[in-house]
Amino acid sequence: MSIRAENLNYIYGQGTPFEQYALKDVSFEIPDGQFVGLIGHTGSGKSTLIQHLNGLLKATSGTIYYNNENIYAEGYSMKQLRTRVGLVFQYPEHQLFEVDVFTDVCFGPKNMGLPKTEIEARAAKALEMVGLDKSYYEKSPFELSGGQKRRVAIAGVLAMQPEVLVLDEPTAGLDPKGRDEILDQVSALHKSQGMTVVLVSHSMEDVARYADRLMVMNAGQKVYDGTPKEVFRHYKELEEIGLSAPQVTYIVQGLRKRGIPVSEDVTTVPEAKAEILKLLGRGTKC
């Protein structure tokens, strides 16, 4: 089992007049190799939760286990945990600070105390994995486009060869082409490396397309946990907490109300296309 959280609570400003629960009794298990989408409106606890996964925040109460080891146990190495659970923040500028791209990606493995040859080999491999060739090595990270900065930030984490990749809104502010490029790259890494991925996103279309499983947060609590199809069946309840389903879900529901027997489990455009073509092949009038 890769990550297990048991009864996590986190309180900001504990013991002050401004005390506020950010997480309330949150429990879950994420098996090795799963692609998890984490969704919820602003202030729901998503970012607070993912910062617990590699020990950046410590729970007020509750426990997190990584590979069945309690990360809060005395003597547990948080430094080692952070090489295994890599976190890419929403804004890559927060993680880029070296004079050029290659040096920046070398920072993580260098901090691990690895030999220079291995550091450079890891950096080169990580940049290749995110689709950046040698022509980018000597460029300043701050001269790059938003999508390229995201790739460099992801490469910096991949160079430490993590077992879990956690991404906080990795496509925020990107155009549709840049968004698809980043998420396609992450999906390819998930499939080729067997890497566990936790993706925080506001895009229902993105999580429906890429994630195996969705966890929905609201007011610090986990309110839904299941496959995208299972979760988006609750689209009306999701609307009540400030979320929605993918747009294709509403199209499907509209067709069903008109008596067209489209499966209510359709959550992506390719699925909708296949379902409609199947119905047309049977002679159903649409």
C-alpha atoms as a PDB file:
ATOM      1  CA  MET A   1       0.000   0.000   0.000  1.00  0.00           C
ATOM      2  CA  SER A   2       1.555   3.284  -1.054  1.00  0.00           C
ATOM      3  CA  ILE A   3      -0.219   5.898   1.101  1.00  0.00           C
ATOM      4  CA  ARG A   4      -2.738   5.471   3.906  1.00  0.00           C
ATOM      5  CA  ALA A   5      -4.269   8.290   5.936  1.00  0.00           C
ATOM      6  CA  GLU A   6      -6.215   7.590   9.097  1.00  0.00           C
ATOM      7  CA  ASN A   7      -8.498  10.173  10.706  1.00  0.00           C
ATOM      8  CA  LEU A   8      -6.492  13.220   9.647  1.00  0.00           C
ATOM      9  CA  ASN A   9      -7.368  16.529  11.269  1.00  0.00           C
ATOM     10  CA  TYR A  10      -5.598  19.799  10.685  1.00  0.00           C
ATOM     11  CA  ILE A  11      -6.432  23.044  12.477  1.00  0.00           C
ATOM     12  CA  TYR A  12      -5.055  26.422  11.460  1.00  0.00           C
ATOM     13  CA  GLY A  13      -4.446  28.790  14.362  1.00  0.00           C
ATOM     14  CA  GLN A  14      -5.153  26.148  16.985  1.00  0.00           C
ATOM     15  CA  GLY A  15      -5.752  27.666  20.404  1.00  0.00           C
ATOM     16  CA  THR A  16      -6.344  31.156  19.010  1.00  0.00           C
ATOM     17  CA  PRO A  17      -9.583  33.080  18.318  1.00  0.00           C
ATOM     18  CA  PHE A  18      -8.922  32.400  14.614  1.00  0.00           C
ATOM     19  CA  GLU A  19      -8.906  28.605  14.977  1.00  0.00           C
ATOM     20  CA  GLN A  20     -10.231  26.917  11.847  1.00  0.00           C
ATOM     21  CA  TYR A  21     -10.499  23.288  10.761  1.00  0.00           C
ATOM     22  CA  ALA A  22      -8.883  22.714   7.364  1.00  0.00           C
ATOM     23  CA  LEU A  23      -9.208  18.896   7.508  1.00  0.00           C
ATOM     24  CA  LYS A  24     -11.810  16.947   9.452  1.00  0.00           C
ATOM     25  CA  ASP A  25     -11.365  13.223  10.073  1.00  0.00           C
ATOM     26  CA  VAL A  26     -10.086  12.413   6.571  1.00  0.00           C
ATOM     27  CA  SER A  27      -9.196   8.767   5.839  1.00  0.00           C
ATOM     28  CA  PHE A  28      -8.201   7.035   2.595  1.00  0.00           C
ATOM     29  CA  GLU A  29      -5.827   4.556   0.982  1.00  0.00           C
ATOM     30  CA  ILE A  30      -4.018   5.081  -2.331  1.00  0.00           C
ATOM     31  CA  PRO A  31      -2.578   1.855  -3.771  1.00  0.00           C
ATOM     32  CA  ASP A  32       0.660   1.828  -5.755  1.00  0.00           C
ATOM     33  CA  GLY A  33       0.224   2.907  -9.363  1.00  0.00           C
ATOM     34  CA  GLN A  34      -3.185   4.563  -9.031  1.00  0.00           C
ATOM     35  CA  PHE A  35      -4.062   7.870 -10.740  1.00  0.00           C
ATOM     36  CA  VAL A  36      -6.170   9.869  -8.283  1.00  0.00           C
ATOM     37  CA  GLY A  37      -7.988  13.112  -9.022  1.00  0.00           C
ATOM     38  CA  LEU A  38      -8.560  15.377  -6.011  1.00  0.00           C
ATOM     39  CA  ILE A  39     -11.314  17.938  -6.521  1.00  0.00           C
ATOM     40  CA  GLY A  40     -13.153  20.523  -4.470  1.00  0.00           C
ATOM     41  CA  HIS A  41     -13.916  24.228  -4.537  1.00  0.00           C
ATOM     42  CA  THR A  42     -11.465  26.829  -3.230  1.00  0.00           C
ATOM     43  CA  GLY A  43     -10.990  26.396   0.525  1.00  0.00           C
ATOM     44  CA  SER A  44     -12.183  22.792   0.565  1.00  0.00           C
ATOM     45  CA  GLY A  45      -8.889  21.466   1.968  1.00  0.00           C
ATOM     46  CA  LYS A  46      -7.264  20.046  -1.182  1.00  0.00           C
ATOM     47  CA  SER A  47      -3.952  21.893  -0.966  1.00  0.00           C
ATOM     48  CA  THR A  48      -3.751  21.391   2.785  1.00  0.00           C
ATOM     49  CA  LEU A  49      -4.299  17.663   2.324  1.00  0.00           C
ATOM     50  CA  ILE A  50      -1.623  17.125  -0.323  1.00  0.00           C
ATOM     51  CA  GLN A  51       0.961  18.973   1.784  1.00  0.00           C
ATOM     52  CA  HIS A  52       0.464  16.254   4.406  1.00  0.00           C
ATOM     53  CA  LEU A  53       1.405  13.522   1.932  1.00  0.00           C
ATOM     54  CA  ASN A  54       5.116  14.362   2.015  1.00  0.00           C
ATOM     55  CA  GLY A  55       5.239  15.864   5.488  1.00  0.00           C
ATOM     56  CA  LEU A  56       5.283  19.568   4.596  1.00  0.00           C
ATOM     57  CA  LEU A  57       2.410  19.907   7.069  1.00  0.00           C
ATOM     58  CA  LYS A  58       1.935  17.733  10.132  1.00  0.00           C
ATOM     59  CA  ALA A  59      -1.569  16.682  11.091  1.00  0.00           C
ATOM     60  CA  THR A  60      -3.034  18.124  14.282  1.00  0.00           C
ATOM     61  CA  SER A  61      -4.219  14.575  14.900  1.00  0.00           C
ATOM     62  CA  GLY A  62      -4.361  11.379  12.898  1.00  0.00           C
ATOM     63  CA  THR A  63      -1.686   9.408  11.081  1.00  0.00           C
ATOM     64  CA  ILE A  64      -0.216   8.978   7.619  1.00  0.00           C
ATOM     65  CA  TYR A  65       1.484   5.744   6.598  1.00  0.00           C
ATOM     66  CA  TYR A  66       3.813   5.479   3.621  1.00  0.00           C
ATOM     67  CA  ASN A  67       4.441   1.877   2.612  1.00  0.00           C
ATOM     68  CA  ASN A  68       3.038   0.854   6.011  1.00  0.00           C
ATOM     69  CA  GLU A  69       5.450   3.094   7.950  1.00  0.00           C
ATOM     70  CA  ASN A  70       4.102   5.842  10.198  1.00  0.00           C
ATOM     71  CA  ILE A  71       5.687   9.044   8.891  1.00  0.00           C
ATOM     72  CA  TYR A  72       5.189  10.677  12.311  1.00  0.00           C
ATOM     73  CA  ALA A  73       7.132   7.959  14.116  1.00  0.00           C
ATOM     74  CA  GLU A  74      10.253   9.056  15.961  1.00  0.00           C
ATOM     75  CA  GLY A  75      13.298   8.893  13.724  1.00  0.00           C
ATOM     76  CA  TYR A  76      11.357   8.674  10.468  1.00  0.00           C
ATOM     77  CA  SER A  77      13.242  10.505   7.689  1.00  0.00           C
ATOM     78  CA  MET A  78      11.112  13.274   6.209  1.00  0.00           C
ATOM     79  CA  LYS A  79      13.948  14.063   3.803  1.00  0.00           C
ATOM     80  CA  GLN A  80      13.764  10.560   2.391  1.00  0.00           C
ATOM     81  CA  LEU A  81       9.954  10.736   2.241  1.00  0.00           C
ATOM     82  CA  ARG A  82      10.147  13.876   0.114  1.00  0.00           C
ATOM     83  CA  THR A  83      12.335  12.113  -2.434  1.00  0.00           C
ATOM     84  CA  ARG A  84       9.690   9.384  -2.696  1.00  0.00           C
ATOM     85  CA  VAL A  85       6.620  11.625  -2.684  1.00  0.00           C
ATOM     86  CA  GLY A  86       7.317  14.512  -5.040  1.00  0.00           C
ATOM     87  CA  LEU A  87       5.103  17.603  -4.885  1.00  0.00           C
ATOM     88  CA  VAL A  88       4.774  20.074  -7.764  1.00  0.00           C
ATOM     89  CA  PHE A  89       3.155  23.314  -6.624  1.00  0.00           C
ATOM     90  CA  GLN A  90       0.540  25.218  -8.596  1.00  0.00           C
ATOM     91  CA  TYR A  91       2.929  28.007  -9.547  1.00  0.00           C
ATOM     92  CA  PRO A  92       6.247  26.678 -10.936  1.00  0.00           C
ATOM     93  CA  GLU A  93       7.972  29.971 -10.139  1.00  0.00           C
ATOM     94  CA  HIS A  94       7.941  28.802  -6.506  1.00  0.00           C
ATOM     95  CA  GLN A  95      10.183  25.851  -7.424  1.00  0.00           C
ATOM     96  CA  LEU A  96      12.485  27.371 -10.061  1.00  0.00           C
ATOM     97  CA  PHE A  97      15.437  29.424  -8.882  1.00  0.00           C
ATOM     98  CA  GLU A  98      18.682  28.357 -10.612  1.00  0.00           C
ATOM     99  CA  VAL A  99      20.417  30.190 -13.465  1.00  0.00           C
ATOM    100  CA  ASP A 100      19.530  27.624 -16.122  1.00  0.00           C
ATOM    101  CA  VAL A 101      17.133  24.742 -16.691  1.00  0.00           C
ATOM    102  CA  PHE A 102      19.657  21.902 -16.353  1.00  0.00           C
ATOM    103  CA  THR A 103      21.099  23.231 -13.089  1.00  0.00           C
ATOM    104  CA  ASP A 104      17.615  23.657 -11.709  1.00  0.00           C
ATOM    105  CA  VAL A 105      16.651  20.056 -12.464  1.00  0.00           C
ATOM    106  CA  CYS A 106      19.944  18.876 -10.936  1.00  0.00           C
ATOM    107  CA  PHE A 107      19.107  20.524  -7.595  1.00  0.00           C
ATOM    108  CA  GLY A 108      16.967  17.686  -6.163  1.00  0.00           C
ATOM    109  CA  PRO A 109      19.341  14.780  -6.831  1.00  0.00           C
ATOM    110  CA  LYS A 110      22.294  16.970  -5.795  1.00  0.00           C
ATOM    111  CA  ASN A 111      20.581  17.574  -2.462  1.00  0.00           C
ATOM    112  CA  MET A 112      20.294  13.795  -2.105  1.00  0.00           C
ATOM    113  CA  GLY A 113      24.099  13.574  -2.074  1.00  0.00           C
ATOM    114  CA  LEU A 114      24.407  11.601  -5.295  1.00  0.00           C
ATOM    115  CA  PRO A 115      27.590  11.493  -7.438  1.00  0.00           C
ATOM    116  CA  LYS A 116      27.827  14.174 -10.141  1.00  0.00           C
ATOM    117  CA  THR A 117      27.543  11.651 -12.983  1.00  0.00           C
ATOM    118  CA  GLU A 118      24.300  10.234 -11.577  1.00  0.00           C
ATOM    119  CA  ILE A 119      22.908  13.705 -10.857  1.00  0.00           C
ATOM    120  CA  GLU A 120      23.438  14.783 -14.452  1.00  0.00           C
ATOM    121  CA  ALA A 121      22.125  11.488 -15.845  1.00  0.00           C
ATOM    122  CA  ARG A 122      18.964  11.812 -13.774  1.00  0.00           C
ATOM    123  CA  ALA A 123      18.457  15.432 -14.846  1.00  0.00           C
ATOM    124  CA  ALA A 124      18.889  14.578 -18.525  1.00  0.00           C
ATOM    125  CA  LYS A 125      16.484  11.652 -18.242  1.00  0.00           C
ATOM    126  CA  ALA A 126      13.886  13.727 -16.374  1.00  0.00           C
ATOM    127  CA  LEU A 127      13.991  16.496 -18.981  1.00  0.00           C
ATOM    128  CA  GLU A 128      13.623  13.908 -21.721  1.00  0.00           C
ATOM    129  CA  MET A 129      10.611  12.447 -19.910  1.00  0.00           C
ATOM    130  CA  VAL A 130       8.825  15.822 -19.946  1.00  0.00           C
ATOM    131  CA  GLY A 131       9.683  16.484 -23.581  1.00  0.00           C
ATOM    132  CA  LEU A 132      12.461  19.092 -23.194  1.00  0.00           C
ATOM    133  CA  ASP A 133      15.581  18.458 -25.299  1.00  0.00           C
ATOM    134  CA  LYS A 134      19.144  19.766 -24.918  1.00  0.00           C
ATOM    135  CA  SER A 135      18.263  23.075 -26.545  1.00  0.00           C
ATOM    136  CA  TYR A 136      16.579  24.036 -23.248  1.00  0.00           C
ATOM    137  CA  TYR A 137      19.440  23.105 -20.918  1.00  0.00           C
ATOM    138  CA  GLU A 138      21.171  26.493 -20.824  1.00  0.00           C
ATOM    139  CA  LYS A 139      18.048  28.649 -20.932  1.00  0.00           C
ATOM    140  CA  SER A 140      16.937  30.590 -17.877  1.00  0.00           C
ATOM    141  CA  PRO A 141      13.784  28.999 -16.406  1.00  0.00           C
ATOM    142  CA  PHE A 142      12.265  32.466 -16.226  1.00  0.00           C
ATOM    143  CA  GLU A 143      12.500  32.973 -19.995  1.00  0.00           C
ATOM    144  CA  LEU A 144      10.234  30.004 -20.648  1.00  0.00           C
ATOM    145  CA  SER A 145       6.516  29.900 -21.330  1.00  0.00           C
ATOM    146  CA  GLY A 146       4.115  28.884 -18.572  1.00  0.00           C
ATOM    147  CA  GLY A 147       3.802  25.350 -19.923  1.00  0.00           C
ATOM    148  CA  GLN A 148       7.565  24.965 -20.248  1.00  0.00           C
ATOM    149  CA  LYS A 149       8.063  26.180 -16.664  1.00  0.00           C
ATOM    150  CA  ARG A 150       5.616  23.515 -15.512  1.00  0.00           C
ATOM    151  CA  ARG A 151       7.604  20.883 -17.378  1.00  0.00           C
ATOM    152  CA  VAL A 152      10.852  22.005 -15.767  1.00  0.00           C
ATOM    153  CA  ALA A 153       9.231  21.967 -12.314  1.00  0.00           C
ATOM    154  CA  ILE A 154       7.923  18.448 -12.943  1.00  0.00           C
ATOM    155  CA  ALA A 155      11.344  17.355 -14.246  1.00  0.00           C
ATOM    156  CA  GLY A 156      12.965  18.690 -11.071  1.00  0.00           C
ATOM    157  CA  VAL A 157      10.748  16.365  -9.047  1.00  0.00           C
ATOM    158  CA  LEU A 158      11.137  13.415 -11.447  1.00  0.00           C
ATOM    159  CA  ALA A 159      14.935  13.676 -11.209  1.00  0.00           C
ATOM    160  CA  MET A 160      14.618  12.459  -7.609  1.00  0.00           C
ATOM    161  CA  GLN A 161      12.855   9.357  -8.990  1.00  0.00           C
ATOM    162  CA  PRO A 162       9.785   9.563  -6.748  1.00  0.00           C
ATOM    163  CA  GLU A 163       7.301   6.735  -6.387  1.00  0.00           C
ATOM    164  CA  VAL A 164       4.416   9.199  -6.029  1.00  0.00           C
ATOM    165  CA  LEU A 165       3.909  12.395  -8.041  1.00  0.00           C
ATOM    166  CA  VAL A 166       1.571  14.986  -6.523  1.00  0.00           C
ATOM    167  CA  LEU A 167       0.513  17.891  -8.755  1.00  0.00           C
ATOM    168  CA  ASP A 168      -1.380  20.917  -7.459  1.00  0.00           C
ATOM    169  CA  GLU A 169      -3.322  22.484 -10.356  1.00  0.00           C
ATOM    170  CA  PRO A 170      -0.496  21.841 -12.871  1.00  0.00           C
ATOM    171  CA  THR A 171      -2.452  23.395 -15.761  1.00  0.00           C
ATOM    172  CA  ALA A 172      -3.658  26.587 -14.050  1.00  0.00           C
ATOM    173  CA  GLY A 173      -3.359  29.546 -16.395  1.00  0.00           C
ATOM    174  CA  LEU A 174      -2.401  27.479 -19.438  1.00  0.00           C
ATOM    175  CA  ASP A 175      -4.197  27.543 -22.778  1.00  0.00           C
ATOM    176  CA  PRO A 176      -6.011  24.334 -23.893  1.00  0.00           C
ATOM    177  CA  LYS A 177      -3.026  23.140 -25.954  1.00  0.00           C
ATOM    178  CA  GLY A 178      -0.599  23.649 -23.060  1.00  0.00           C
ATOM    179  CA  ARG A 179      -2.994  21.983 -20.642  1.00  0.00           C
ATOM    180  CA  ASP A 180      -3.361  18.904 -22.842  1.00  0.00           C
ATOM    181  CA  GLU A 181       0.403  18.651 -23.374  1.00  0.00           C
ATOM    182  CA  ILE A 182       1.135  18.701 -19.640  1.00  0.00           C
ATOM    183  CA  LEU A 183      -1.569  16.201 -18.707  1.00  0.00           C
ATOM    184  CA  ASP A 184      -0.777  13.875 -21.611  1.00  0.00           C
ATOM    185  CA  GLN A 185       2.840  13.867 -20.412  1.00  0.00           C
ATOM    186  CA  VAL A 186       1.780  13.092 -16.835  1.00  0.00           C
ATOM    187  CA  SER A 187      -0.520  10.322 -18.076  1.00  0.00           C
ATOM    188  CA  ALA A 188       2.304   8.836 -20.158  1.00  0.00           C
ATOM    189  CA  LEU A 189       4.602   8.848 -17.105  1.00  0.00           C
ATOM    190  CA  HIS A 190       1.898   7.176 -15.033  1.00  0.00           C
ATOM    191  CA  LYS A 191       1.498   4.406 -17.591  1.00  0.00           C
ATOM    192  CA  SER A 192       5.146   3.895 -18.549  1.00  0.00           C
ATOM    193  CA  GLN A 193       6.670   4.192 -15.060  1.00  0.00           C
ATOM    194  CA  GLY A 194       3.801   2.727 -13.018  1.00  0.00           C
ATOM    195  CA  MET A 195       3.954   5.911 -10.979  1.00  0.00           C
ATOM    196  CA  THR A 196       1.274   6.816  -8.451  1.00  0.00           C
ATOM    197  CA  VAL A 197      -0.213  10.203  -9.395  1.00  0.00           C
ATOM    198  CA  VAL A 198      -2.353  12.556  -7.307  1.00  0.00           C
ATOM    199  CA  LEU A 199      -3.765  15.375  -9.434  1.00  0.00           C
ATOM    200  CA  VAL A 200      -5.475  18.386  -7.860  1.00  0.00           C
ATOM    201  CA  SER A 201      -7.681  20.057 -10.468  1.00  0.00           C
ATOM    202  CA  HIS A 202     -10.680  22.319 -10.928  1.00  0.00           C
ATOM    203  CA  SER A 203     -11.338  20.834 -14.371  1.00  0.00           C
ATOM    204  CA  MET A 204     -13.937  18.083 -14.268  1.00  0.00           C
ATOM    205  CA  GLU A 205     -13.136  17.222 -17.886  1.00  0.00           C
ATOM    206  CA  ASP A 206      -9.489  16.631 -17.030  1.00  0.00           C
ATOM    207  CA  VAL A 207     -10.084  14.368 -14.043  1.00  0.00           C
ATOM    208  CA  ALA A 208     -12.766  12.433 -15.945  1.00  0.00           C
ATOM    209  CA  ARG A 209     -10.312  11.845 -18.780  1.00  0.00           C
ATOM    210  CA  TYR A 210      -7.187  10.916 -16.827  1.00  0.00           C
ATOM    211  CA  ALA A 211      -8.009   9.715 -13.301  1.00  0.00           C
ATOM    212  CA  ASP A 212      -8.844   6.173 -12.205  1.00  0.00           C
ATOM    213  CA  ARG A 213     -10.389   7.473  -9.013  1.00  0.00           C
ATOM    214  CA  LEU A 214     -11.757  10.744  -7.651  1.00  0.00           C
ATOM    215  CA  MET A 215     -11.792  12.055  -4.111  1.00  0.00           C
ATOM    216  CA  VAL A 216     -14.050  15.050  -3.502  1.00  0.00           C
ATOM    217  CA  MET A 217     -13.342  17.474  -0.665  1.00  0.00           C
ATOM    218  CA  ASN A 218     -15.794  19.909   0.890  1.00  0.00           C
ATOM    219  CA  ALA A 219     -15.236  22.055   4.000  1.00  0.00           C
ATOM    220  CA  GLY A 220     -12.253  19.912   4.984  1.00  0.00           C
ATOM    221  CA  GLN A 221     -14.072  16.593   4.666  1.00  0.00           C
ATOM    222  CA  LYS A 222     -13.932  13.846   2.074  1.00  0.00           C
ATOM    223  CA  VAL A 223     -17.483  13.617   0.755  1.00  0.00           C
ATOM    224  CA  TYR A 224     -17.137  11.289  -2.260  1.00  0.00           C
ATOM    225  CA  ASP A 225     -14.550   8.686  -3.208  1.00  0.00           C
ATOM    226  CA  GLY A 226     -14.899   6.418  -6.224  1.00  0.00           C
ATOM    227  CA  THR A 227     -14.371   6.075  -9.954  1.00  0.00           C
ATOM    228  CA  PRO A 228     -15.173   9.162 -12.055  1.00  0.00           C
ATOM    229  CA  LYS A 229     -18.346   7.478 -13.262  1.00  0.00           C
ATOM    230  CA  GLU A 230     -19.472   6.763  -9.695  1.00  0.00           C
ATOM    231  CA  VAL A 231     -18.714  10.271  -8.485  1.00  0.00           C
ATOM    232  CA  PHE A 232     -20.289  12.125 -11.402  1.00  0.00           C
ATOM    233  CA  ARG A 233     -23.564  10.268 -10.930  1.00  0.00           C
ATOM    234  CA  HIS A 234     -23.895  12.684  -8.004  1.00  0.00           C
ATOM    235  CA  TYR A 235     -23.684  15.733 -10.264  1.00  0.00           C
ATOM    236  CA  LYS A 236     -26.625  17.415  -8.569  1.00  0.00           C
ATOM    237  CA  GLU A 237     -25.043  16.985  -5.137  1.00  0.00           C
ATOM    238  CA  LEU A 238     -21.734  18.243  -6.542  1.00  0.00           C
ATOM    239  CA  GLU A 239     -23.483  21.402  -7.720  1.00  0.00           C
ATOM    240  CA  GLU A 240     -24.685  22.003  -4.164  1.00  0.00           C
ATOM    241  CA  ILE A 241     -21.078  22.203  -2.945  1.00  0.00           C
ATOM    242  CA  GLY A 242     -19.917  24.489  -5.744  1.00  0.00           C
ATOM    243  CA  LEU A 243     -18.704  21.872  -8.227  1.00  0.00           C
ATOM    244  CA  SER A 244     -20.077  20.399 -11.425  1.00  0.00           C
ATOM    245  CA  ALA A 245     -19.728  17.369 -13.639  1.00  0.00           C
ATOM    246  CA  PRO A 246     -18.048  17.370 -17.060  1.00  0.00           C
ATOM    247  CA  GLN A 247     -20.143  19.237 -19.634  1.00  0.00           C
ATOM    248  CA  VAL A 248     -20.783  16.015 -21.520  1.00  0.00           C
ATOM    249  CA  THR A 249     -22.607  14.683 -18.429  1.00  0.00           C
ATOM    250  CA  TYR A 250     -25.224  17.424 -18.780  1.00  0.00           C
ATOM    251  CA  ILE A 251     -25.588  16.717 -22.500  1.00  0.00           C
ATOM    252  CA  VAL A 252     -26.139  13.038 -21.738  1.00  0.00           C
ATOM    253  CA  GLN A 253     -28.724  13.857 -19.074  1.00  0.00           C
ATOM    254  CA  GLY A 254     -30.518  16.118 -21.564  1.00  0.00           C
ATOM    255  CA  LEU A 255     -30.646  13.293 -24.116  1.00  0.00           C
ATOM    256  CA  ARG A 256     -31.963  10.882 -21.505  1.00  0.00           C
ATOM    257  CA  LYS A 257     -34.745  13.307 -20.568  1.00  0.00           C
ATOM    258  CA  ARG A 258     -35.770  13.269 -24.223  1.00  0.00           C
ATOM    259  CA  GLY A 259     -36.098   9.507 -24.142  1.00  0.00           C
ATOM    260  CA  ILE A 260     -32.799   8.672 -25.828  1.00  0.00           C
ATOM    261  CA  PRO A 261     -31.259   5.717 -23.956  1.00  0.00           C
ATOM    262  CA  VAL A 262     -27.709   7.029 -23.614  1.00  0.00           C
ATOM    263  CA  SER A 263     -25.738   5.491 -20.742  1.00  0.00           C
ATOM    264  CA  GLU A 264     -25.619   7.810 -17.735  1.00  0.00           C
ATOM    265  CA  ASP A 265     -22.051   6.652 -17.078  1.00  0.00           C
ATOM    266  CA  VAL A 266     -20.654   8.617 -20.037  1.00  0.00           C
ATOM    267  CA  THR A 267     -18.135  11.158 -18.690  1.00  0.00           C
ATOM    268  CA  THR A 268     -15.843  11.960 -21.642  1.00  0.00           C
ATOM    269  CA  VAL A 269     -16.382  13.163 -25.208  1.00  0.00           C
ATOM    270  CA  PRO A 270     -14.944   9.962 -26.794  1.00  0.00           C
ATOM    271  CA  GLU A 271     -17.330   7.880 -24.659  1.00  0.00           C
ATOM    272  CA  ALA A 272     -20.265  10.060 -25.720  1.00  0.00           C
ATOM    273  CA  LYS A 273     -19.294   9.715 -29.370  1.00  0.00           C
ATOM    274  CA  ALA A 274     -19.026   5.930 -29.097  1.00  0.00           C
ATOM    275  CA  GLU A 275     -22.347   5.684 -27.258  1.00  0.00           C
ATOM    276  CA  ILE A 276     -24.225   7.829 -29.791  1.00  0.00           C
ATOM    277  CA  LEU A 277     -22.727   5.966 -32.755  1.00  0.00           C
ATOM    278  CA  LYS A 278     -23.762   2.690 -31.130  1.00  0.00           C
ATOM    279  CA  LEU A 279     -27.319   3.945 -30.760  1.00  0.00           C
ATOM    280  CA  LEU A 280     -27.395   5.208 -34.337  1.00  0.00           C
ATOM    281  CA  GLY A 281     -26.179   1.806 -35.484  1.00  0.00           C
ATOM    282  CA  ARG A 282     -29.213   0.267 -33.787  1.00  0.00           C
ATOM    283  CA  GLY A 283     -31.535   2.626 -35.605  1.00  0.00           C
ATOM    284  CA  THR A 284     -32.298   4.881 -32.654  1.00  0.00           C
ATOM    285  CA  LYS A 285     -33.315   8.329 -33.815  1.00  0.00           C
ATOM    286  CA  CYS A 286     -31.319  11.175 -32.242  1.00  0.00           C
END
